[in-house]
Amino acid sequence: MNIALRKLALLEKSLGEREEMAKLGGYVTSPVDVELRTKITKLMEQIKIN
């Protein structure tokens, strides 16, 4: 489970960095799908609970 949690955390970090770069580039909307981010967060919470 630790590996899965680490991979999801890295993915979440990567998505955050991508959003930050888009903001710095002048984009108003996020290039990252909100639903994908929500699913990742939900999965991480489920792994932490179990």
PDB file of N, CA and C in Angstrom:
ATOM      1  N   MET A   1       0.825  -1.202   0.000  1.00  0.00           N
ATOM      2  CA  MET A   1       0.000   0.000   0.000  1.00  0.00           C
ATOM      3  C   MET A   1       0.866   1.261   0.000  1.00  0.00           C
ATOM      4  N   ASN A   2       2.014   1.173   0.623  1.00  0.00           N
ATOM      5  CA  ASN A   2       2.884   2.330   0.693  1.00  0.00           C
ATOM      6  C   ASN A   2       3.316   2.793  -0.693  1.00  0.00           C
ATOM      7  N   ILE A   3       3.583   1.839  -1.577  1.00  0.00           N
ATOM      8  CA  ILE A   3       4.006   2.187  -2.936  1.00  0.00           C
ATOM      9  C   ILE A   3       2.877   2.887  -3.677  1.00  0.00           C
ATOM     10  N   ALA A   4       1.669   2.376  -3.533  1.00  0.00           N
ATOM     11  CA  ALA A   4       0.515   2.991  -4.206  1.00  0.00           C
ATOM     12  C   ALA A   4       0.303   4.413  -3.701  1.00  0.00           C
ATOM     13  N   LEU A   5       0.428   4.605  -2.412  1.00  0.00           N
ATOM     14  CA  LEU A   5       0.247   5.936  -1.831  1.00  0.00           C
ATOM     15  C   LEU A   5       1.323   6.893  -2.332  1.00  0.00           C
ATOM     16  N   ARG A   6       2.558   6.405  -2.417  1.00  0.00           N
ATOM     17  CA  ARG A   6       3.653   7.245  -2.915  1.00  0.00           C
ATOM     18  C   ARG A   6       3.429   7.642  -4.370  1.00  0.00           C
ATOM     19  N   LYS A   7       3.007   6.690  -5.191  1.00  0.00           N
ATOM     20  CA  LYS A   7       2.769   6.973  -6.610  1.00  0.00           C
ATOM     21  C   LYS A   7       1.645   7.994  -6.785  1.00  0.00           C
ATOM     22  N   LEU A   8       0.581   7.838  -6.004  1.00  0.00           N
ATOM     23  CA  LEU A   8      -0.531   8.790  -6.091  1.00  0.00           C
ATOM     24  C   LEU A   8      -0.088  10.170  -5.620  1.00  0.00           C
ATOM     25  N   ALA A   9       0.743  10.214  -4.589  1.00  0.00           N
ATOM     26  CA  ALA A   9       1.244  11.496  -4.096  1.00  0.00           C
ATOM     27  C   ALA A   9       2.111  12.170  -5.157  1.00  0.00           C
ATOM     28  N   LEU A  10       2.942  11.398  -5.833  1.00  0.00           N
ATOM     29  CA  LEU A  10       3.763  11.956  -6.912  1.00  0.00           C
ATOM     30  C   LEU A  10       2.902  12.463  -8.062  1.00  0.00           C
ATOM     31  N   LEU A  11       1.857  11.716  -8.386  1.00  0.00           N
ATOM     32  CA  LEU A  11       0.944  12.138  -9.442  1.00  0.00           C
ATOM     33  C   LEU A  11       0.240  13.432  -9.056  1.00  0.00           C
ATOM     34  N   GLU A  12      -0.205  13.504  -7.811  1.00  0.00           N
ATOM     35  CA  GLU A  12      -0.880  14.711  -7.332  1.00  0.00           C
ATOM     36  C   GLU A  12       0.073  15.909  -7.361  1.00  0.00           C
ATOM     37  N   LYS A  13       1.320  15.692  -6.971  1.00  0.00           N
ATOM     38  CA  LYS A  13       2.315  16.755  -6.997  1.00  0.00           C
ATOM     39  C   LYS A  13       2.561  17.225  -8.432  1.00  0.00           C
ATOM     40  N   SER A  14       2.663  16.274  -9.351  1.00  0.00           N
ATOM     41  CA  SER A  14       2.880  16.594 -10.751  1.00  0.00           C
ATOM     42  C   SER A  14       1.726  17.425 -11.315  1.00  0.00           C
ATOM     43  N   LEU A  15       0.516  17.047 -10.965  1.00  0.00           N
ATOM     44  CA  LEU A  15      -0.654  17.804 -11.427  1.00  0.00           C
ATOM     45  C   LEU A  15      -0.642  19.222 -10.859  1.00  0.00           C
ATOM     46  N   GLY A  16      -0.257  19.355  -9.598  1.00  0.00           N
ATOM     47  CA  GLY A  16      -0.168  20.675  -8.978  1.00  0.00           C
ATOM     48  C   GLY A  16       0.868  21.546  -9.661  1.00  0.00           C
ATOM     49  N   GLU A  17       2.013  20.952  -9.985  1.00  0.00           N
ATOM     50  CA  GLU A  17       3.057  21.699 -10.685  1.00  0.00           C
ATOM     51  C   GLU A  17       2.599  22.131 -12.076  1.00  0.00           C
ATOM     52  N   ARG A  18       1.864  21.251 -12.738  1.00  0.00           N
ATOM     53  CA  ARG A  18       1.353  21.570 -14.068  1.00  0.00           C
ATOM     54  C   ARG A  18       0.372  22.750 -13.997  1.00  0.00           C
ATOM     55  N   GLU A  19      -0.474  22.745 -12.966  1.00  0.00           N
ATOM     56  CA  GLU A  19      -1.414  23.857 -12.787  1.00  0.00           C
ATOM     57  C   GLU A  19      -0.665  25.155 -12.511  1.00  0.00           C
ATOM     58  N   GLU A  20       0.362  25.078 -11.675  1.00  0.00           N
ATOM     59  CA  GLU A  20       1.134  26.271 -11.337  1.00  0.00           C
ATOM     60  C   GLU A  20       1.835  26.844 -12.568  1.00  0.00           C
ATOM     61  N   MET A  21       2.380  25.986 -13.389  1.00  0.00           N
ATOM     62  CA  MET A  21       3.047  26.446 -14.613  1.00  0.00           C
ATOM     63  C   MET A  21       2.046  27.100 -15.564  1.00  0.00           C
ATOM     64  N   ALA A  22       0.844  26.560 -15.610  1.00  0.00           N
ATOM     65  CA  ALA A  22      -0.183  27.145 -16.468  1.00  0.00           C
ATOM     66  C   ALA A  22      -0.571  28.537 -15.973  1.00  0.00           C
ATOM     67  N   LYS A  23      -0.678  28.686 -14.646  1.00  0.00           N
ATOM     68  CA  LYS A  23      -1.011  29.996 -14.084  1.00  0.00           C
ATOM     69  C   LYS A  23       0.084  31.007 -14.405  1.00  0.00           C
ATOM     70  N   LEU A  24       1.329  30.583 -14.255  1.00  0.00           N
ATOM     71  CA  LEU A  24       2.445  31.474 -14.559  1.00  0.00           C
ATOM     72  C   LEU A  24       2.503  31.802 -16.050  1.00  0.00           C
ATOM     73  N   GLY A  25       2.019  30.886 -16.871  1.00  0.00           N
ATOM     74  CA  GLY A  25       1.996  31.094 -18.316  1.00  0.00           C
ATOM     75  C   GLY A  25       0.840  31.967 -18.779  1.00  0.00           C
ATOM     76  N   GLY A  26      -0.047  32.319 -17.857  1.00  0.00           N
ATOM     77  CA  GLY A  26      -1.136  33.221 -18.200  1.00  0.00           C
ATOM     78  C   GLY A  26      -2.469  32.548 -18.473  1.00  0.00           C
ATOM     79  N   TYR A  27      -2.550  31.241 -18.282  1.00  0.00           N
ATOM     80  CA  TYR A  27      -3.821  30.560 -18.509  1.00  0.00           C
ATOM     81  C   TYR A  27      -4.780  30.831 -17.353  1.00  0.00           C
ATOM     82  N   VAL A  28      -6.034  30.991 -17.679  1.00  0.00           N
ATOM     83  CA  VAL A  28      -7.051  31.251 -16.667  1.00  0.00           C
ATOM     84  C   VAL A  28      -7.648  29.942 -16.169  1.00  0.00           C
ATOM     85  N   THR A  29      -7.874  29.009 -17.073  1.00  0.00           N
ATOM     86  CA  THR A  29      -8.455  27.732 -16.683  1.00  0.00           C
ATOM     87  C   THR A  29      -7.350  26.714 -16.421  1.00  0.00           C
ATOM     88  N   SER A  30      -7.663  25.745 -15.577  1.00  0.00           N
ATOM     89  CA  SER A  30      -6.695  24.722 -15.208  1.00  0.00           C
ATOM     90  C   SER A  30      -6.595  23.672 -16.313  1.00  0.00           C
ATOM     91  N   PRO A  31      -5.367  23.260 -16.656  1.00  0.00           N
ATOM     92  CA  PRO A  31      -5.209  22.206 -17.660  1.00  0.00           C
ATOM     93  C   PRO A  31      -5.495  20.810 -17.099  1.00  0.00           C
ATOM     94  N   VAL A  32      -5.640  20.731 -15.790  1.00  0.00           N
ATOM     95  CA  VAL A  32      -5.861  19.453 -15.121  1.00  0.00           C
ATOM     96  C   VAL A  32      -7.351  19.265 -14.887  1.00  0.00           C
ATOM     97  N   ASP A  33      -7.842  18.094 -15.223  1.00  0.00           N
ATOM     98  CA  ASP A  33      -9.242  17.763 -15.048  1.00  0.00           C
ATOM     99  C   ASP A  33      -9.578  17.704 -13.558  1.00  0.00           C
ATOM    100  N   VAL A  34     -10.580  18.432 -13.141  1.00  0.00           N
ATOM    101  CA  VAL A  34     -10.973  18.486 -11.737  1.00  0.00           C
ATOM    102  C   VAL A  34     -11.439  17.117 -11.252  1.00  0.00           C
ATOM    103  N   GLU A  35     -12.120  16.389 -12.098  1.00  0.00           N
ATOM    104  CA  GLU A  35     -12.619  15.071 -11.723  1.00  0.00           C
ATOM    105  C   GLU A  35     -11.456  14.102 -11.463  1.00  0.00           C
ATOM    106  N   LEU A  36     -10.414  14.179 -12.275  1.00  0.00           N
ATOM    107  CA  LEU A  36      -9.235  13.336 -12.078  1.00  0.00           C
ATOM    108  C   LEU A  36      -8.582  13.638 -10.734  1.00  0.00           C
ATOM    109  N   ARG A  37      -8.423  14.904 -10.434  1.00  0.00           N
ATOM    110  CA  ARG A  37      -7.807  15.298  -9.161  1.00  0.00           C
ATOM    111  C   ARG A  37      -8.654  14.806  -7.986  1.00  0.00           C
ATOM    112  N   THR A  38      -9.971  14.902  -8.100  1.00  0.00           N
ATOM    113  CA  THR A  38     -10.869  14.445  -7.041  1.00  0.00           C
ATOM    114  C   THR A  38     -10.743  12.939  -6.842  1.00  0.00           C
ATOM    115  N   LYS A  39     -10.655  12.198  -7.934  1.00  0.00           N
ATOM    116  CA  LYS A  39     -10.511  10.745  -7.843  1.00  0.00           C
ATOM    117  C   LYS A  39      -9.196  10.362  -7.169  1.00  0.00           C
ATOM    118  N   ILE A  40      -8.131  11.055  -7.506  1.00  0.00           N
ATOM    119  CA  ILE A  40      -6.834  10.773  -6.907  1.00  0.00           C
ATOM    120  C   ILE A  40      -6.872  11.025  -5.405  1.00  0.00           C
ATOM    121  N   THR A  41      -7.446  12.145  -5.014  1.00  0.00           N
ATOM    122  CA  THR A  41      -7.542  12.480  -3.598  1.00  0.00           C
ATOM    123  C   THR A  41      -8.390  11.459  -2.851  1.00  0.00           C
ATOM    124  N   LYS A  42      -9.490  11.068  -3.450  1.00  0.00           N
ATOM    125  CA  LYS A  42     -10.378  10.078  -2.827  1.00  0.00           C
ATOM    126  C   LYS A  42      -9.671   8.735  -2.671  1.00  0.00           C
ATOM    127  N   LEU A  43      -8.928   8.325  -3.692  1.00  0.00           N
ATOM    128  CA  LEU A  43      -8.188   7.075  -3.637  1.00  0.00           C
ATOM    129  C   LEU A  43      -7.130   7.111  -2.539  1.00  0.00           C
ATOM    130  N   MET A  44      -6.441   8.231  -2.407  1.00  0.00           N
ATOM    131  CA  MET A  44      -5.418   8.372  -1.373  1.00  0.00           C
ATOM    132  C   MET A  44      -6.036   8.263   0.017  1.00  0.00           C
ATOM    133  N   GLU A  45      -7.197   8.857   0.201  1.00  0.00           N
ATOM    134  CA  GLU A  45      -7.885   8.771   1.493  1.00  0.00           C
ATOM    135  C   GLU A  45      -8.301   7.335   1.803  1.00  0.00           C
ATOM    136  N   GLN A  46      -8.776   6.611   0.789  1.00  0.00           N
ATOM    137  CA  GLN A  46      -9.175   5.217   0.994  1.00  0.00           C
ATOM    138  C   GLN A  46      -7.977   4.356   1.379  1.00  0.00           C
ATOM    139  N   ILE A  47      -6.828   4.604   0.765  1.00  0.00           N
ATOM    140  CA  ILE A  47      -5.637   3.840   1.075  1.00  0.00           C
ATOM    141  C   ILE A  47      -5.173   4.131   2.506  1.00  0.00           C
ATOM    142  N   LYS A  48      -5.242   5.388   2.909  1.00  0.00           N
ATOM    143  CA  LYS A  48      -4.817   5.760   4.263  1.00  0.00           C
ATOM    144  C   LYS A  48      -5.711   5.131   5.318  1.00  0.00           C
ATOM    145  N   ILE A  49      -6.998   5.023   5.046  1.00  0.00           N
ATOM    146  CA  ILE A  49      -7.938   4.458   6.001  1.00  0.00           C
ATOM    147  C   ILE A  49      -7.699   2.965   6.171  1.00  0.00           C
ATOM    148  N   ASN A  50      -7.472   2.274   5.062  1.00  0.00           N
ATOM    149  CA  ASN A  50      -7.279   0.824   5.127  1.00  0.00           C
ATOM    150  C   ASN A  50      -5.854   0.567   5.456  1.00  0.00           C
TER     151      ASN A  50
END
